[in-house]
Structure formats: structure tokens, C-alpha cells
Amino acid sequence: MSLDVDIQATLGRFKLDAQLQAGQGATVIYGRSGSGKTSLINAIAGLSRPQSGRITLDEQVLFDAALGINVPVHLRRIGYVFQDARLFPHLNVADNLDFGTRYADASLGKNHRKTVIEMLGIGALMQRRPGALSGGEKQRVALGRALLTAPRLLLLDEPLAALDTQRKEEILPYFERLRAQGGPPMIYVTHDMSEIVRLADHLCVLRDGKSVAQGTAEDVLADPANMKLIGVQDAGALITGVVDHHASDGLSGIRLSAGMLFVPRMAVTVGTSVRIRIRAQDVILSLSEPKDMSSQNVLPAKITAIREGASSGFAIALSCGTDRLLARITARALAQMELKVGQNIWAVLKANAMPPNAIAPS
């Protein structure tokens, strides 16, 4: 799948000038409220019409303002899961799901429907109406309805935003399974960094209606130039490792390219590949190898870039073996330590600074 978007639109006082390139897997559109995330995917779905620009999906032109092309919504073969599910309240679950098959290829038949129902675990809900469903159940049904259209592309507009933590944890594994099992490519809108850790192959950051950064999730998050765009509290890097062992003291050891990382015990089997988000503000730098300290996580690193950040701070990009980290330090610390690009240094990480929602199977 190949999606290419370059559109411009004026929506009241808001101006959208966004570019997006997406392929297989999950592409996450990230940004603060009001940055244009929903406006962008509504244009992809055909729910709104930009003033100018072009949208292509698998070389099919869905929209071209100059040529006067605007393919109707029902002919784009794009599934859409809204934040509030938007199930038909007068229909039961079975009928809501069947509505999704209206524009699907008839050859998919009952087996495809059965597979989707089993994957989402909604077989017992078929005779209920939406008013009798929990928030998590509604979103599973909404996802099933979208999948039963046999979409070329799946759009998800902050599908977990209205759910509490328990319901989010109920739904996220289904999105992870779709991604892992080669389901339809996803464009996933969120402002929650933990969902990026769990799902993102690619990342597009929107700010004030403009695409300000995009690429692989690892590249975008590890670039110190993007710290201001992501936000000081959320800025950090994604690294990948393999669960090496589970210790009796409640920690799990994850083997990285630069050494061992200890995190709160994970409920995954040894040998599992995992992706870990390490926030820049949770990385401490030392000129010499720290000894006799409480932190168990000390990794050798090299400074690859130094960028001035927000609030008189600096973003320090580090290479740790084949992984990359970000650290956020003050201007005073930078001057006192006389840090320079190419300098060897030590990165200290707190195990408790990596909660369960910052770690996910890769």
C-alpha cells in the first residue's frame, strides 16, 4: 500500500497544509488538540474536500483539485473508526456489522465475517444493541464493522481517547494484532505517546495544521531537532531489545546492543523482542562510569548532536551501540561538563522511569 497526500484547506480560521506519505504497517499522526489530525484523515476518507492538492492511494487518484477528481466516500474502500464508535443505535451488533459488508467484495463471504468476529471476541454480543455495550465493546464492534468493508486502508481517529485506562488496555491488543498479522495498513490518530510505542511503524507530527516531521517512529523521536515539536514532557527515543531474563527481585533484564537494561518485571516470555520508550528527561549523563549508585542501568554512549531546546535546555542525541537515546539537560550542565559532539559519555537510566505503558512487544 502506498498513500501520498499533499493538501491545503481552509476551515474557518484554521488552515491545513499537510503532507503525508504512508506505506504498510501503522502510521501514527501525532499532535496536540487542534493541530489538524482529524481534518487530515477526513480528507483522506472523502468526508471533507480540500481547496487544493492531491491524494493518491495505490496509484489511484482519490482527489485532485486541479483535475476536478473527488472519488466518493463509498468507492474509496477506506475503513474508518471514529472516536465515539458511531454505531447505529436502532440496530443490534450483528446488523451493525452487516452494514460494513455492503460495499465489500462479495467473494469474502461468511468465512471473512466469522474470522473478524472471532478475532475481536464479539460473538457473544451479536444480539445486543449499542446502548447495552461498554465503551470497549462498542469500539471492538466499530472496528469489526470497518474491517468487514475489506478496506485497502484503515483510518482510526483517536479510537481510545474516550476510554478509561482499563478499557484502553482491553482494545489496544486488537490493534497490535492487526499490525502484527499483516492486516490492512492503518493511519492512527493520537496525542498519547504510549500508543505510539505500542503501534507506530511510521510517525507524522502535525502542528498548527502543518506536517512538521515524519519518518520512521525511531528516526522522528530520536532527532533532537524534534524535541520542541514533540514537547518537553513527551520527548524521548524508542529503542529495541530482547527480553533476556526475569530476576527474582522483580526486574526483567532486556538485552540491548550496548548492554543490559533492567525494567520492572514484564509479563512476556524470555526471547521476546520489545520496544522501549525512554524519555529524554529520564536520562542522566556522566563524564565517567558511575559506581556505587542505586541505578542499575548505565550504558556507554557517544554524543552525536547537541541542539538548543525549550526553556533554556538542550537536547543531547546519543548513540548507544546501534540504538539512539535523547537526553535533556540544562545550559549550565552543558557548560560545566563541556560536552561536545563525538565525546564518549555514560547514560544513566532509572528502571522505575520506564512504566509498563512505555514498553511493548515489537
Foldseek 3Di string as FASTA:
>chain_A
DWKWWAFWADDPPAIAGETDIDDAFEEEEAEDPPLCPVVVVCCVLLVDPGCATWIDDPNRTCDGNVVGHHHHNLPQQEFEAEQQLPFDQVAFLQVSLVVLQPQADCVVPDVQLVVLCVLLVCPVRRGHGPVPDDLLSSRSSSVSSRVNNVGLEYEYANNCPVDDPVSCVSRLVSLLCCRVVRHHYYYYYDNDVLSCQRGFQKYFYGGSNYGDDIDGQQVQLLDQVCDQRNDQVRRKGKFKFFFAAADPVQWTWTAGLFGIDIAGDDPDDGGFMKIFTDHQAQKDKAADFDDDDDFPDKGKWFWADWAQDPPQKIWTWICGRPHIIIHIGHPVVCVVVVDDHGHIIMITGHRHSTDPSRMYGD
